[in-house]
């Protein structure tokens, strides 16, 4: 199974009820969208072992409930956003 393109914006519509996203080892390609930061109630974001690329969005720092972030084994580029340092 493979999927191309950014993680869909429809996930933002579930911001009030979604608390975990685990999409590890799914052969995903594309990027993490800036609006991923709208998921402020998310406690787990695991997109490890895919082929995601581009920069990590600065908006991840807005995810104030995030306890676990795993983006390992992808093709992300650029600097780690400083906003990640302010996560709990």
N, C-alpha and C. Protein backbone atom coordinates (compact mmCIF):
# COMPACT_ATOMS: atom_id res chain seq x y z
N UNK A 1 0.84 -1.18 0.00
CA UNK A 1 0.00 0.00 0.00
C UNK A 1 0.88 1.24 0.00
N UNK A 2 0.63 2.14 -0.91
CA UNK A 2 1.34 3.41 -0.93
C UNK A 2 0.33 4.53 -1.07
N UNK A 3 0.73 5.69 -0.64
CA UNK A 3 -0.12 6.87 -0.77
C UNK A 3 0.75 8.05 -1.11
N UNK A 4 0.34 8.84 -2.08
CA UNK A 4 1.11 10.01 -2.49
C UNK A 4 0.40 11.28 -2.07
N UNK A 5 1.18 12.32 -1.87
CA UNK A 5 0.63 13.62 -1.50
C UNK A 5 0.73 13.86 -0.02
N UNK A 6 0.44 15.08 0.37
CA UNK A 6 0.50 15.45 1.78
C UNK A 6 -0.59 14.75 2.57
N UNK A 7 -0.35 14.60 3.85
CA UNK A 7 -1.40 14.06 4.71
C UNK A 7 -2.60 14.98 4.58
N UNK A 8 -3.78 14.43 4.34
CA UNK A 8 -4.94 15.24 3.92
C UNK A 8 -5.42 16.26 4.94
N UNK A 9 -5.94 17.40 4.43
CA UNK A 9 -6.46 18.43 5.33
C UNK A 9 -7.71 17.98 6.07
N UNK A 10 -8.35 16.92 5.60
CA UNK A 10 -9.56 16.44 6.28
C UNK A 10 -9.27 15.99 7.71
N UNK A 11 -8.01 15.70 8.02
CA UNK A 11 -7.66 15.34 9.40
C UNK A 11 -7.93 16.51 10.34
N UNK A 12 -7.75 17.72 9.86
CA UNK A 12 -7.98 18.90 10.69
C UNK A 12 -9.44 19.00 11.11
N UNK A 13 -10.33 18.44 10.32
CA UNK A 13 -11.76 18.46 10.67
C UNK A 13 -12.04 17.61 11.90
N UNK A 14 -11.12 16.72 12.23
CA UNK A 14 -11.28 15.84 13.39
C UNK A 14 -10.51 16.34 14.61
N UNK A 15 -10.12 17.59 14.60
CA UNK A 15 -9.26 18.15 15.65
C UNK A 15 -9.82 17.97 17.05
N UNK A 16 -11.12 17.98 17.20
CA UNK A 16 -11.74 17.88 18.52
C UNK A 16 -11.76 16.45 19.06
N UNK A 17 -11.75 15.45 18.19
CA UNK A 17 -11.93 14.07 18.63
C UNK A 17 -10.71 13.18 18.43
N UNK A 18 -9.80 13.58 17.57
CA UNK A 18 -8.64 12.75 17.25
C UNK A 18 -7.56 12.93 18.30
N UNK A 19 -7.08 11.82 18.88
CA UNK A 19 -6.00 11.96 19.86
C UNK A 19 -4.74 11.20 19.48
N UNK A 20 -4.79 10.30 18.51
CA UNK A 20 -3.59 9.58 18.06
C UNK A 20 -3.62 9.41 16.55
N UNK A 21 -2.47 9.63 15.93
CA UNK A 21 -2.28 9.30 14.52
C UNK A 21 -1.05 8.40 14.46
N UNK A 22 -1.25 7.16 14.05
CA UNK A 22 -0.14 6.22 13.88
C UNK A 22 -0.20 5.71 12.44
N UNK A 23 0.71 6.20 11.63
CA UNK A 23 0.79 5.84 10.22
C UNK A 23 2.20 5.34 9.90
N UNK A 24 2.78 4.58 10.79
CA UNK A 24 4.15 4.11 10.59
C UNK A 24 4.18 2.98 9.56
N UNK A 25 5.27 2.96 8.80
CA UNK A 25 5.54 1.90 7.83
C UNK A 25 4.39 1.68 6.85
N UNK A 26 3.87 2.79 6.30
CA UNK A 26 2.74 2.72 5.37
C UNK A 26 3.14 3.12 3.95
N UNK A 27 4.43 3.30 3.69
CA UNK A 27 4.93 3.72 2.38
C UNK A 27 4.33 5.05 1.93
N UNK A 28 4.07 5.94 2.88
CA UNK A 28 3.53 7.26 2.56
C UNK A 28 4.61 8.13 1.92
N UNK A 29 4.22 8.93 0.95
CA UNK A 29 5.11 9.91 0.35
C UNK A 29 4.43 11.27 0.44
N UNK A 30 5.17 12.31 0.22
CA UNK A 30 4.61 13.65 0.28
C UNK A 30 5.16 14.41 1.46
N UNK A 31 4.31 15.14 2.16
CA UNK A 31 4.77 16.03 3.22
C UNK A 31 3.81 16.02 4.40
N UNK A 32 4.24 16.66 5.47
CA UNK A 32 3.33 16.98 6.58
C UNK A 32 2.86 18.40 6.34
N UNK A 33 1.57 18.60 6.28
CA UNK A 33 1.02 19.93 6.01
C UNK A 33 1.16 20.83 7.23
N UNK A 34 1.24 22.12 6.98
CA UNK A 34 1.33 23.12 8.04
C UNK A 34 0.12 23.04 8.98
N UNK A 35 -1.05 22.66 8.46
CA UNK A 35 -2.24 22.61 9.31
C UNK A 35 -2.29 21.40 10.24
N UNK A 36 -1.25 20.57 10.23
CA UNK A 36 -1.17 19.48 11.22
C UNK A 36 -1.19 20.07 12.63
N UNK A 37 -0.72 21.29 12.77
CA UNK A 37 -0.71 21.97 14.07
C UNK A 37 -2.09 22.28 14.62
N UNK A 38 -3.12 22.18 13.79
CA UNK A 38 -4.49 22.39 14.26
C UNK A 38 -4.97 21.26 15.16
N UNK A 39 -4.26 20.14 15.12
CA UNK A 39 -4.63 18.98 15.93
C UNK A 39 -4.06 19.12 17.34
N UNK A 40 -4.52 20.12 18.04
CA UNK A 40 -3.95 20.48 19.34
C UNK A 40 -4.22 19.45 20.43
N UNK A 41 -5.21 18.59 20.25
CA UNK A 41 -5.50 17.56 21.24
C UNK A 41 -4.75 16.26 21.01
N UNK A 42 -3.98 16.21 19.93
CA UNK A 42 -3.26 14.99 19.58
C UNK A 42 -2.19 14.69 20.63
N UNK A 43 -2.15 13.45 21.11
CA UNK A 43 -1.12 13.04 22.06
C UNK A 43 -0.01 12.23 21.40
N UNK A 44 -0.33 11.55 20.28
CA UNK A 44 0.65 10.72 19.58
C UNK A 44 0.60 11.04 18.09
N UNK A 45 1.77 11.33 17.52
CA UNK A 45 1.92 11.48 16.07
C UNK A 45 3.10 10.62 15.65
N UNK A 46 2.81 9.52 14.97
CA UNK A 46 3.84 8.59 14.53
C UNK A 46 3.70 8.38 13.03
N UNK A 47 4.60 8.96 12.28
CA UNK A 47 4.65 8.78 10.82
C UNK A 47 6.00 8.19 10.43
N UNK A 48 6.58 7.42 11.31
CA UNK A 48 7.92 6.86 11.09
C UNK A 48 7.93 5.82 9.97
N UNK A 49 9.10 5.61 9.43
CA UNK A 49 9.36 4.58 8.42
C UNK A 49 8.47 4.72 7.19
N UNK A 50 8.44 5.92 6.64
CA UNK A 50 7.74 6.21 5.40
C UNK A 50 8.71 6.91 4.46
N UNK A 51 8.20 7.59 3.47
CA UNK A 51 9.03 8.37 2.54
C UNK A 51 8.57 9.81 2.51
N UNK A 52 8.16 10.34 3.65
CA UNK A 52 7.72 11.73 3.73
C UNK A 52 8.93 12.64 3.57
N UNK A 53 8.73 13.78 2.93
CA UNK A 53 9.84 14.68 2.62
C UNK A 53 9.46 16.13 2.91
N UNK A 54 10.43 17.01 2.70
CA UNK A 54 10.21 18.43 2.94
C UNK A 54 10.51 18.78 4.39
N UNK A 55 10.24 20.01 4.76
CA UNK A 55 10.52 20.43 6.14
C UNK A 55 9.44 19.96 7.11
N UNK A 56 9.83 19.80 8.36
CA UNK A 56 8.83 19.58 9.41
C UNK A 56 8.14 20.91 9.65
N UNK A 57 6.82 20.93 9.70
CA UNK A 57 6.12 22.20 9.87
C UNK A 57 6.33 22.82 11.24
N UNK A 58 6.54 24.12 11.26
CA UNK A 58 6.69 24.87 12.51
C UNK A 58 5.46 24.70 13.40
N UNK A 59 4.31 24.47 12.79
CA UNK A 59 3.05 24.37 13.53
C UNK A 59 2.99 23.17 14.48
N UNK A 60 3.92 22.23 14.35
CA UNK A 60 3.94 21.10 15.29
C UNK A 60 4.07 21.61 16.72
N UNK A 61 4.74 22.73 16.89
CA UNK A 61 4.90 23.31 18.22
C UNK A 61 3.61 23.78 18.84
N UNK A 62 2.55 23.91 18.06
CA UNK A 62 1.24 24.32 18.58
C UNK A 62 0.45 23.15 19.14
N UNK A 63 0.97 21.95 18.98
CA UNK A 63 0.27 20.74 19.42
C UNK A 63 0.58 20.51 20.90
N UNK A 64 -0.05 21.29 21.74
CA UNK A 64 0.28 21.36 23.17
C UNK A 64 0.04 20.07 23.95
N UNK A 65 -0.72 19.14 23.42
CA UNK A 65 -0.98 17.88 24.12
C UNK A 65 -0.05 16.76 23.65
N UNK A 66 0.78 17.04 22.65
CA UNK A 66 1.62 16.00 22.05
C UNK A 66 2.63 15.45 23.05
N UNK A 67 2.57 14.15 23.26
CA UNK A 67 3.49 13.46 24.18
C UNK A 67 4.50 12.60 23.43
N UNK A 68 4.12 12.09 22.27
CA UNK A 68 5.01 11.25 21.47
C UNK A 68 5.02 11.74 20.03
N UNK A 69 6.21 12.03 19.53
CA UNK A 69 6.40 12.45 18.14
C UNK A 69 7.47 11.55 17.54
N UNK A 70 7.11 10.78 16.52
CA UNK A 70 8.08 9.92 15.86
C UNK A 70 8.03 10.18 14.36
N UNK A 71 9.07 10.78 13.85
CA UNK A 71 9.18 11.08 12.42
C UNK A 71 10.44 10.43 11.83
N UNK A 72 10.99 9.46 12.53
CA UNK A 72 12.24 8.80 12.12
C UNK A 72 12.06 8.04 10.80
N UNK A 73 13.16 7.86 10.12
CA UNK A 73 13.22 7.05 8.90
C UNK A 73 12.30 7.57 7.80
N UNK A 74 12.41 8.86 7.53
CA UNK A 74 11.73 9.54 6.44
C UNK A 74 12.78 10.33 5.67
N UNK A 75 12.37 11.22 4.82
CA UNK A 75 13.29 12.03 4.02
C UNK A 75 13.10 13.51 4.29
N UNK A 76 12.80 13.85 5.54
CA UNK A 76 12.60 15.25 5.89
C UNK A 76 13.90 16.02 5.70
N UNK A 77 13.77 17.30 5.39
CA UNK A 77 14.95 18.14 5.17
C UNK A 77 14.80 19.44 5.95
N UNK A 78 15.89 20.15 6.08
CA UNK A 78 15.86 21.42 6.78
C UNK A 78 16.10 21.25 8.27
N UNK A 79 15.88 22.34 8.98
CA UNK A 79 16.11 22.37 10.42
C UNK A 79 14.90 21.86 11.18
N UNK A 80 15.15 21.33 12.37
CA UNK A 80 14.05 20.97 13.27
C UNK A 80 13.46 22.28 13.77
N UNK A 81 12.15 22.46 13.65
CA UNK A 81 11.54 23.72 14.09
C UNK A 81 11.77 23.97 15.57
N UNK A 82 12.14 25.19 15.90
CA UNK A 82 12.39 25.53 17.30
C UNK A 82 11.14 25.40 18.15
N UNK A 83 9.97 25.49 17.55
CA UNK A 83 8.72 25.36 18.30
C UNK A 83 8.56 23.99 18.94
N UNK A 84 9.24 22.98 18.41
CA UNK A 84 9.17 21.64 18.98
C UNK A 84 9.75 21.63 20.40
N UNK A 85 10.70 22.51 20.66
CA UNK A 85 11.33 22.57 21.98
C UNK A 85 10.36 23.03 23.06
N UNK A 86 9.26 23.65 22.69
CA UNK A 86 8.30 24.13 23.69
C UNK A 86 7.20 23.12 23.97
N UNK A 87 7.27 21.95 23.36
CA UNK A 87 6.27 20.91 23.63
C UNK A 87 6.47 20.33 25.03
N UNK A 88 5.38 19.82 25.61
CA UNK A 88 5.51 19.24 26.97
C UNK A 88 6.45 18.05 27.01
